[in-house]
Amino acid sequence: MGVEVVGHAVLAEGLRKRFGDKWALDGFDLAVPAGTVCGLLGPNGAGKTTAVRILATLLRLDGGRGEVAGHDVVREAPAVRRRVALNGQQSTVDDVLTGRENLVMWGRLYHLSRRQARARADELLEQFGLTDAADKRAKQYSGGMRRRLDLASSFITRPSVLFLDEPTTGLDPRNRGEVWREVRRVVTGGTTVLLTTQYLDEADQLADQVVVLDSGRVAAQGTPERLKSTLGGDRIEVVVRDAGDLPVVRDVLGPDAEVDPDAFRVSAAVADRVAALTRVTSALASKGVEAEDIVLRRPTLDEVFLAITGHKAQVRA
């Protein structure tokens, strides 16, 4: 199927799912505009994968409703499945087969003729930068190449909506960058992406909209910049050479300043940027404090996550 979806490509209204006596989702709402990337964040056990599995029709909901590509995920599940693809945490690549053979196999599983499957495999190998390695066995691929091949298999039928469940877990920074590039490419082609991730920088790089899920409910949502602005704008950070200066720096930055003794660093929110930098520099000099570094920066999504959920994101190796 093509990728023509008008309005919201993914909708969830009051989704509920219980496992035993625990509600994994407890009134989950979501609206993802077509042709955008939505980053679904949350601590382990928050319900991210459960939400994806319900919206991909792999799990029955216990309450609420979901709609994907204009079709109800319960009443019209077959129609949803024809329009979506799911790329999970576990690779579907067959190490014994070559890259081309993997994609031809998936094409045949999607009921393409042998000729159509070969033609589609060639298109995807070129699109995902794997033509030169097409006839190498997948076991010879790097981690990034394997993930790109895995991602390519999701596009055999040109899905309207692509669910990516922690697609870069375990990859090194270079290979993560390769996957990010391909995600941007498919979104440019009109596909909507719902991305769950443990990497806050991944959501910051890719997502048009971020939804923070905690205890089965939406705790916050908005663009990455909007969420970061909720922490009070810019922050000033002072790194000192002598740990004994940390209390002095905290006094200068104010009662809400945060001290990281391991990094010899104190940080605080500021509203006046350059004026604050000048004031802090002058105050530290007058107190005889020698700063290793003083910087102004925007808050990070990690800090947003910490403020919303009460703890830092847990990244699985």
Protein backbone atom coordinates (compact mmCIF):
# COMPACT_ATOMS: atom_id res chain seq x y z
CA MET A 1 0.00 0.00 0.00
CA GLY A 2 1.02 3.63 -0.40
CA VAL A 3 1.58 6.18 2.33
CA GLU A 4 -1.33 8.55 1.66
CA VAL A 5 -2.77 9.37 5.10
CA VAL A 6 -4.51 12.68 5.80
CA GLY A 7 -4.64 14.20 9.29
CA HIS A 8 -3.60 11.97 12.17
CA ALA A 9 -1.96 8.69 11.19
CA VAL A 10 -2.06 7.28 14.74
CA LEU A 11 -4.74 7.94 17.35
CA ALA A 12 -5.20 6.45 20.80
CA GLU A 13 -8.03 7.40 23.13
CA GLY A 14 -8.04 6.12 26.69
CA LEU A 15 -6.13 2.92 25.88
CA ARG A 16 -6.08 0.46 28.78
CA LYS A 17 -4.28 -2.86 29.11
CA ARG A 18 -3.95 -5.01 32.21
CA PHE A 19 -1.55 -7.85 32.93
CA GLY A 20 -2.73 -9.65 36.04
CA ASP A 21 -3.46 -7.00 38.65
CA LYS A 22 -1.26 -4.34 37.02
CA TRP A 23 -2.41 -1.78 34.48
CA ALA A 24 0.36 -1.45 31.87
CA LEU A 25 -1.70 1.25 30.17
CA ASP A 26 -4.24 3.23 32.16
CA GLY A 27 -5.90 5.82 29.95
CA PHE A 28 -3.23 6.39 27.30
CA ASP A 29 -3.96 9.12 24.72
CA LEU A 30 -1.93 9.85 21.60
CA ALA A 31 -2.33 11.76 18.33
CA VAL A 32 0.42 11.57 15.70
CA PRO A 33 0.06 13.74 12.56
CA ALA A 34 0.75 12.03 9.26
CA GLY A 35 4.30 12.30 7.92
CA THR A 36 5.92 13.04 11.29
CA VAL A 37 8.03 11.24 13.89
CA CYS A 38 6.62 10.78 17.39
CA GLY A 39 9.08 9.75 20.09
CA LEU A 40 7.52 7.70 22.87
CA LEU A 41 9.68 7.93 26.00
CA GLY A 42 9.37 6.52 29.46
CA PRO A 43 11.12 4.43 32.10
CA ASN A 44 11.25 0.66 31.79
CA GLY A 45 7.77 -0.73 32.45
CA ALA A 46 6.02 2.53 31.59
CA GLY A 47 3.96 0.85 28.86
CA LYS A 48 5.75 1.94 25.67
CA THR A 49 6.05 -1.48 24.04
CA THR A 50 2.54 -2.42 25.18
CA ALA A 51 1.16 0.67 23.41
CA VAL A 52 3.04 -0.15 20.22
CA ARG A 53 1.88 -3.77 20.23
CA ILE A 54 -1.76 -2.72 20.66
CA LEU A 55 -1.56 -0.14 17.88
CA ALA A 56 0.15 -2.71 15.62
CA THR A 57 -2.74 -5.16 16.35
CA LEU A 58 -0.45 -7.68 18.06
CA LEU A 59 -2.13 -7.26 21.45
CA ARG A 60 -5.77 -6.86 22.40
CA LEU A 61 -6.71 -3.78 24.38
CA ASP A 62 -8.85 -3.92 27.52
CA GLY A 63 -10.35 -0.46 27.15
CA GLY A 64 -10.39 2.66 24.98
CA ARG A 65 -9.85 2.68 21.25
CA GLY A 66 -7.02 2.99 18.75
CA GLU A 67 -6.92 4.02 15.11
CA VAL A 68 -4.01 3.65 12.70
CA ALA A 69 -3.97 4.86 9.09
CA GLY A 70 -7.67 5.59 9.38
CA HIS A 71 -8.68 2.11 10.60
CA ASP A 72 -9.78 0.86 14.01
CA VAL A 73 -7.16 -1.49 15.47
CA VAL A 74 -9.81 -3.93 16.75
CA ARG A 75 -12.65 -3.85 14.23
CA GLU A 76 -10.41 -3.35 11.19
CA ALA A 77 -7.24 -5.13 12.27
CA PRO A 78 -6.52 -6.73 8.84
CA ALA A 79 -6.71 -3.31 7.15
CA VAL A 80 -4.32 -1.87 9.76
CA ARG A 81 -1.85 -4.70 9.19
CA ARG A 82 -1.79 -4.01 5.45
CA ARG A 83 -0.71 -0.44 6.12
CA VAL A 84 1.85 -0.74 8.90
CA ALA A 85 5.23 -2.28 9.60
CA LEU A 86 6.82 -3.07 12.95
CA ASN A 87 10.55 -3.15 13.56
CA GLY A 88 11.13 -4.53 17.04
CA GLN A 89 14.07 -4.83 19.38
CA GLN A 90 15.04 -8.27 18.05
CA SER A 91 16.54 -8.50 14.58
CA THR A 92 14.66 -10.47 11.92
CA VAL A 93 17.76 -10.83 9.73
CA ASP A 94 18.74 -14.40 8.75
CA ASP A 95 22.53 -14.60 9.10
CA VAL A 96 22.86 -17.48 6.63
CA LEU A 97 21.21 -15.56 3.78
CA THR A 98 22.71 -12.64 1.87
CA GLY A 99 21.22 -9.19 2.13
CA ARG A 100 19.41 -9.63 -1.16
CA GLU A 101 18.13 -13.08 -0.21
CA ASN A 102 16.77 -11.73 3.07
CA LEU A 103 14.75 -9.07 1.28
CA VAL A 104 13.53 -11.44 -1.44
CA MET A 105 12.38 -13.84 1.28
CA TRP A 106 10.39 -11.07 2.97
CA GLY A 107 8.90 -10.05 -0.37
CA ARG A 108 7.70 -13.58 -0.96
CA LEU A 109 6.22 -13.69 2.55
CA TYR A 110 4.27 -10.57 1.62
CA HIS A 111 2.90 -12.49 -1.40
CA LEU A 112 4.94 -10.69 -4.06
CA SER A 113 5.80 -12.76 -7.11
CA ARG A 114 9.42 -13.91 -7.38
CA ARG A 115 10.08 -11.25 -9.99
CA GLN A 116 8.40 -8.51 -7.94
CA ALA A 117 10.29 -9.57 -4.79
CA ARG A 118 13.65 -9.38 -6.58
CA ALA A 119 12.85 -5.98 -8.06
CA ARG A 120 11.71 -4.62 -4.68
CA ALA A 121 14.82 -6.05 -3.00
CA ASP A 122 17.06 -4.21 -5.48
CA GLU A 123 15.18 -0.95 -4.84
CA LEU A 124 15.55 -1.28 -1.08
CA LEU A 125 19.21 -2.27 -1.22
CA GLU A 126 19.91 0.94 -3.13
CA GLN A 127 17.66 3.06 -0.91
CA PHE A 128 19.36 1.86 2.28
CA GLY A 129 22.90 2.01 0.93
CA LEU A 130 23.47 -1.76 0.88
CA THR A 131 23.95 -2.44 -2.84
CA ASP A 132 27.69 -3.12 -2.50
CA ALA A 133 27.01 -5.68 0.25
CA ALA A 134 23.91 -7.20 -1.37
CA ASP A 135 25.50 -10.59 -2.02
CA LYS A 136 27.39 -10.90 1.27
CA ARG A 137 25.94 -13.10 3.98
CA ALA A 138 24.26 -11.04 6.69
CA LYS A 139 26.59 -12.49 9.33
CA GLN A 140 29.37 -10.45 7.66
CA TYR A 141 27.45 -7.19 8.13
CA SER A 142 28.31 -4.62 10.79
CA GLY A 143 25.74 -3.82 13.45
CA GLY A 144 24.60 -0.71 11.58
CA MET A 145 24.33 -2.56 8.27
CA ARG A 146 22.26 -5.33 9.90
CA ARG A 147 19.91 -2.75 11.41
CA ARG A 148 19.53 -0.99 8.05
CA LEU A 149 18.76 -4.33 6.41
CA ASP A 150 16.23 -5.03 9.14
CA LEU A 151 14.70 -1.59 8.55
CA ALA A 152 14.65 -2.18 4.79
CA SER A 153 12.60 -5.35 5.29
CA SER A 154 9.91 -3.20 6.94
CA PHE A 155 9.48 -1.30 3.66
CA ILE A 156 8.70 -4.20 1.38
CA THR A 157 5.10 -2.93 1.16
CA ARG A 158 5.76 0.82 1.63
CA PRO A 159 3.91 1.19 4.97
CA SER A 160 1.87 4.24 5.87
CA VAL A 161 2.95 3.90 9.51
CA LEU A 162 6.21 2.42 10.81
CA PHE A 163 6.51 1.35 14.45
CA LEU A 164 10.13 1.34 15.66
CA ASP A 165 10.59 -0.23 19.09
CA GLU A 166 14.04 0.82 20.38
CA PRO A 167 15.65 0.43 16.92
CA THR A 168 19.22 1.39 17.89
CA THR A 169 19.67 -0.35 21.23
CA GLY A 170 23.21 -1.73 21.46
CA LEU A 171 24.56 0.12 18.41
CA ASP A 172 27.62 2.35 18.58
CA PRO A 173 27.22 6.10 17.84
CA ARG A 174 28.26 5.80 14.17
CA ASN A 175 25.80 2.99 13.47
CA ARG A 176 23.05 4.80 15.36
CA GLY A 177 23.68 7.77 13.07
CA GLU A 178 23.23 5.54 10.02
CA VAL A 179 19.85 4.34 11.28
CA TRP A 180 18.80 7.91 12.09
CA ARG A 181 19.61 8.95 8.52
CA GLU A 182 17.42 6.19 7.09
CA VAL A 183 14.54 7.07 9.43
CA ARG A 184 14.68 10.68 8.23
CA ARG A 185 14.72 9.45 4.63
CA VAL A 186 11.58 7.32 4.96
CA VAL A 187 9.72 10.12 6.75
CA THR A 188 10.58 12.44 3.86
CA GLY A 189 8.84 9.87 1.67
CA GLY A 190 5.61 10.33 3.64
CA THR A 191 5.76 7.52 6.19
CA THR A 192 4.69 8.27 9.77
CA VAL A 193 7.00 6.89 12.47
CA LEU A 194 6.15 6.04 16.07
CA LEU A 195 9.47 5.53 17.82
CA THR A 196 10.08 4.15 21.29
CA THR A 197 13.56 4.72 22.61
CA GLN A 198 15.69 4.70 25.75
CA TYR A 199 18.06 7.24 24.18
CA LEU A 200 16.95 10.79 24.93
CA ASP A 201 19.29 12.24 22.30
CA GLU A 202 17.63 9.98 19.70
CA ALA A 203 14.24 11.52 20.39
CA ASP A 204 15.82 14.98 20.37
CA GLN A 205 17.37 14.31 16.95
CA LEU A 206 14.44 12.61 15.23
CA ALA A 207 11.11 13.47 16.84
CA ASP A 208 8.74 16.22 15.81
CA GLN A 209 6.71 15.39 18.91
CA VAL A 210 7.77 13.73 22.17
CA VAL A 211 5.37 11.92 24.49
CA VAL A 212 6.60 10.95 27.96
CA LEU A 213 4.77 7.89 29.30
CA ASP A 214 4.89 7.08 33.01
CA SER A 215 2.85 4.40 34.82
CA GLY A 216 0.71 3.81 31.75
CA ARG A 217 -0.34 7.42 31.25
CA VAL A 218 0.96 10.44 29.36
CA ALA A 219 2.96 12.57 31.79
CA ALA A 220 3.98 15.25 29.27
CA GLN A 221 4.04 15.89 25.54
CA GLY A 222 5.17 18.50 23.06
CA THR A 223 8.05 19.31 20.74
CA PRO A 224 11.52 18.65 22.20
CA GLU A 225 12.12 22.40 22.44
CA ARG A 226 8.80 23.03 24.17
CA LEU A 227 9.45 20.31 26.75
CA LYS A 228 12.94 21.65 27.43
CA SER A 229 11.56 25.17 27.86
CA THR A 230 9.34 23.94 30.73
CA LEU A 231 12.46 23.69 32.89
CA GLY A 232 12.90 27.45 32.83
CA GLY A 233 14.95 28.29 29.77
CA ASP A 234 18.73 28.30 29.80
CA ARG A 235 21.01 26.85 32.45
CA ILE A 236 24.40 28.01 33.62
CA GLU A 237 27.04 25.45 34.61
CA VAL A 238 30.17 26.14 36.62
CA VAL A 239 32.95 23.57 36.88
CA VAL A 240 35.60 24.19 39.54
CA ARG A 241 39.06 22.72 40.14
CA ASP A 242 38.68 22.43 43.92
CA ALA A 243 35.71 20.56 45.40
CA GLY A 244 35.93 22.85 48.40
CA ASP A 245 34.64 25.70 46.19
CA LEU A 246 31.34 23.95 45.42
CA PRO A 247 29.43 25.47 48.40
CA VAL A 248 30.59 28.93 47.41
CA VAL A 249 29.46 28.43 43.81
CA ARG A 250 26.10 27.17 45.02
CA ASP A 251 25.64 30.30 47.13
CA VAL A 252 26.38 32.42 44.06
CA LEU A 253 23.97 30.52 41.79
CA GLY A 254 21.17 30.47 44.33
CA PRO A 255 19.21 28.06 46.54
CA ASP A 256 17.84 26.04 43.60
CA ALA A 257 21.27 25.26 42.19
CA GLU A 258 22.13 21.58 41.68
CA VAL A 259 25.52 20.26 42.81
CA ASP A 260 27.28 17.32 41.15
CA PRO A 261 30.25 16.67 43.46
CA ASP A 262 31.67 13.88 41.28
CA ALA A 263 31.96 16.24 38.30
CA PHE A 264 32.95 19.29 40.45
CA ARG A 265 29.95 21.03 38.82
CA VAL A 266 27.11 23.31 39.94
CA SER A 267 24.23 24.26 37.64
CA ALA A 268 21.12 26.43 37.85
CA ALA A 269 18.37 27.82 35.65
CA VAL A 270 18.80 31.41 34.49
CA ALA A 271 16.46 33.77 32.68
CA ASP A 272 18.82 36.52 31.56
CA ARG A 273 21.61 34.60 29.74
CA VAL A 274 24.46 37.11 29.13
CA ALA A 275 23.65 39.19 32.21
CA ALA A 276 23.71 36.03 34.34
CA LEU A 277 27.04 34.95 32.87
CA THR A 278 28.57 38.34 33.63
CA ARG A 279 27.13 38.41 37.14
CA VAL A 280 28.29 34.90 38.04
CA THR A 281 31.78 35.41 36.62
CA SER A 282 32.21 38.64 38.58
CA ALA A 283 30.84 37.15 41.83
CA LEU A 284 33.14 34.10 41.64
CA ALA A 285 36.17 36.29 40.98
CA SER A 286 35.36 38.50 43.98
CA LYS A 287 35.23 35.37 46.19
CA GLY A 288 38.52 34.05 44.87
CA VAL A 289 36.98 30.99 43.15
CA GLU A 290 38.90 29.76 40.12
CA ALA A 291 36.47 28.20 37.65
CA GLU A 292 37.61 25.49 35.26
CA ASP A 293 34.70 26.26 32.94
CA ILE A 294 31.53 28.37 32.84
CA VAL A 295 28.94 27.69 30.14
CA LEU A 296 25.38 28.56 29.20
CA ARG A 297 23.27 25.83 27.61
CA ARG A 298 19.72 24.74 26.92
CA PRO A 299 18.18 22.04 29.14
CA THR A 300 18.42 18.50 27.77
CA LEU A 301 15.65 15.94 27.36
CA ASP A 302 17.44 13.91 30.03
CA GLU A 303 16.71 16.72 32.50
CA VAL A 304 13.10 16.91 31.31
CA PHE A 305 12.76 13.15 31.78
CA LEU A 306 14.24 13.37 35.28
CA ALA A 307 11.93 16.23 36.24
CA ILE A 308 8.83 14.40 34.97
CA THR A 309 9.47 10.82 36.07
CA GLY A 310 11.68 11.40 39.11
CA HIS A 311 14.63 9.42 37.78
CA LYS A 312 17.01 9.30 34.84
CA ALA A 313 16.36 7.29 31.69
CA GLN A 314 17.59 3.72 31.94
CA VAL A 315 19.52 2.70 28.85
CA ARG A 316 19.86 -0.99 28.16
CA ALA A 317 23.20 -2.18 26.84
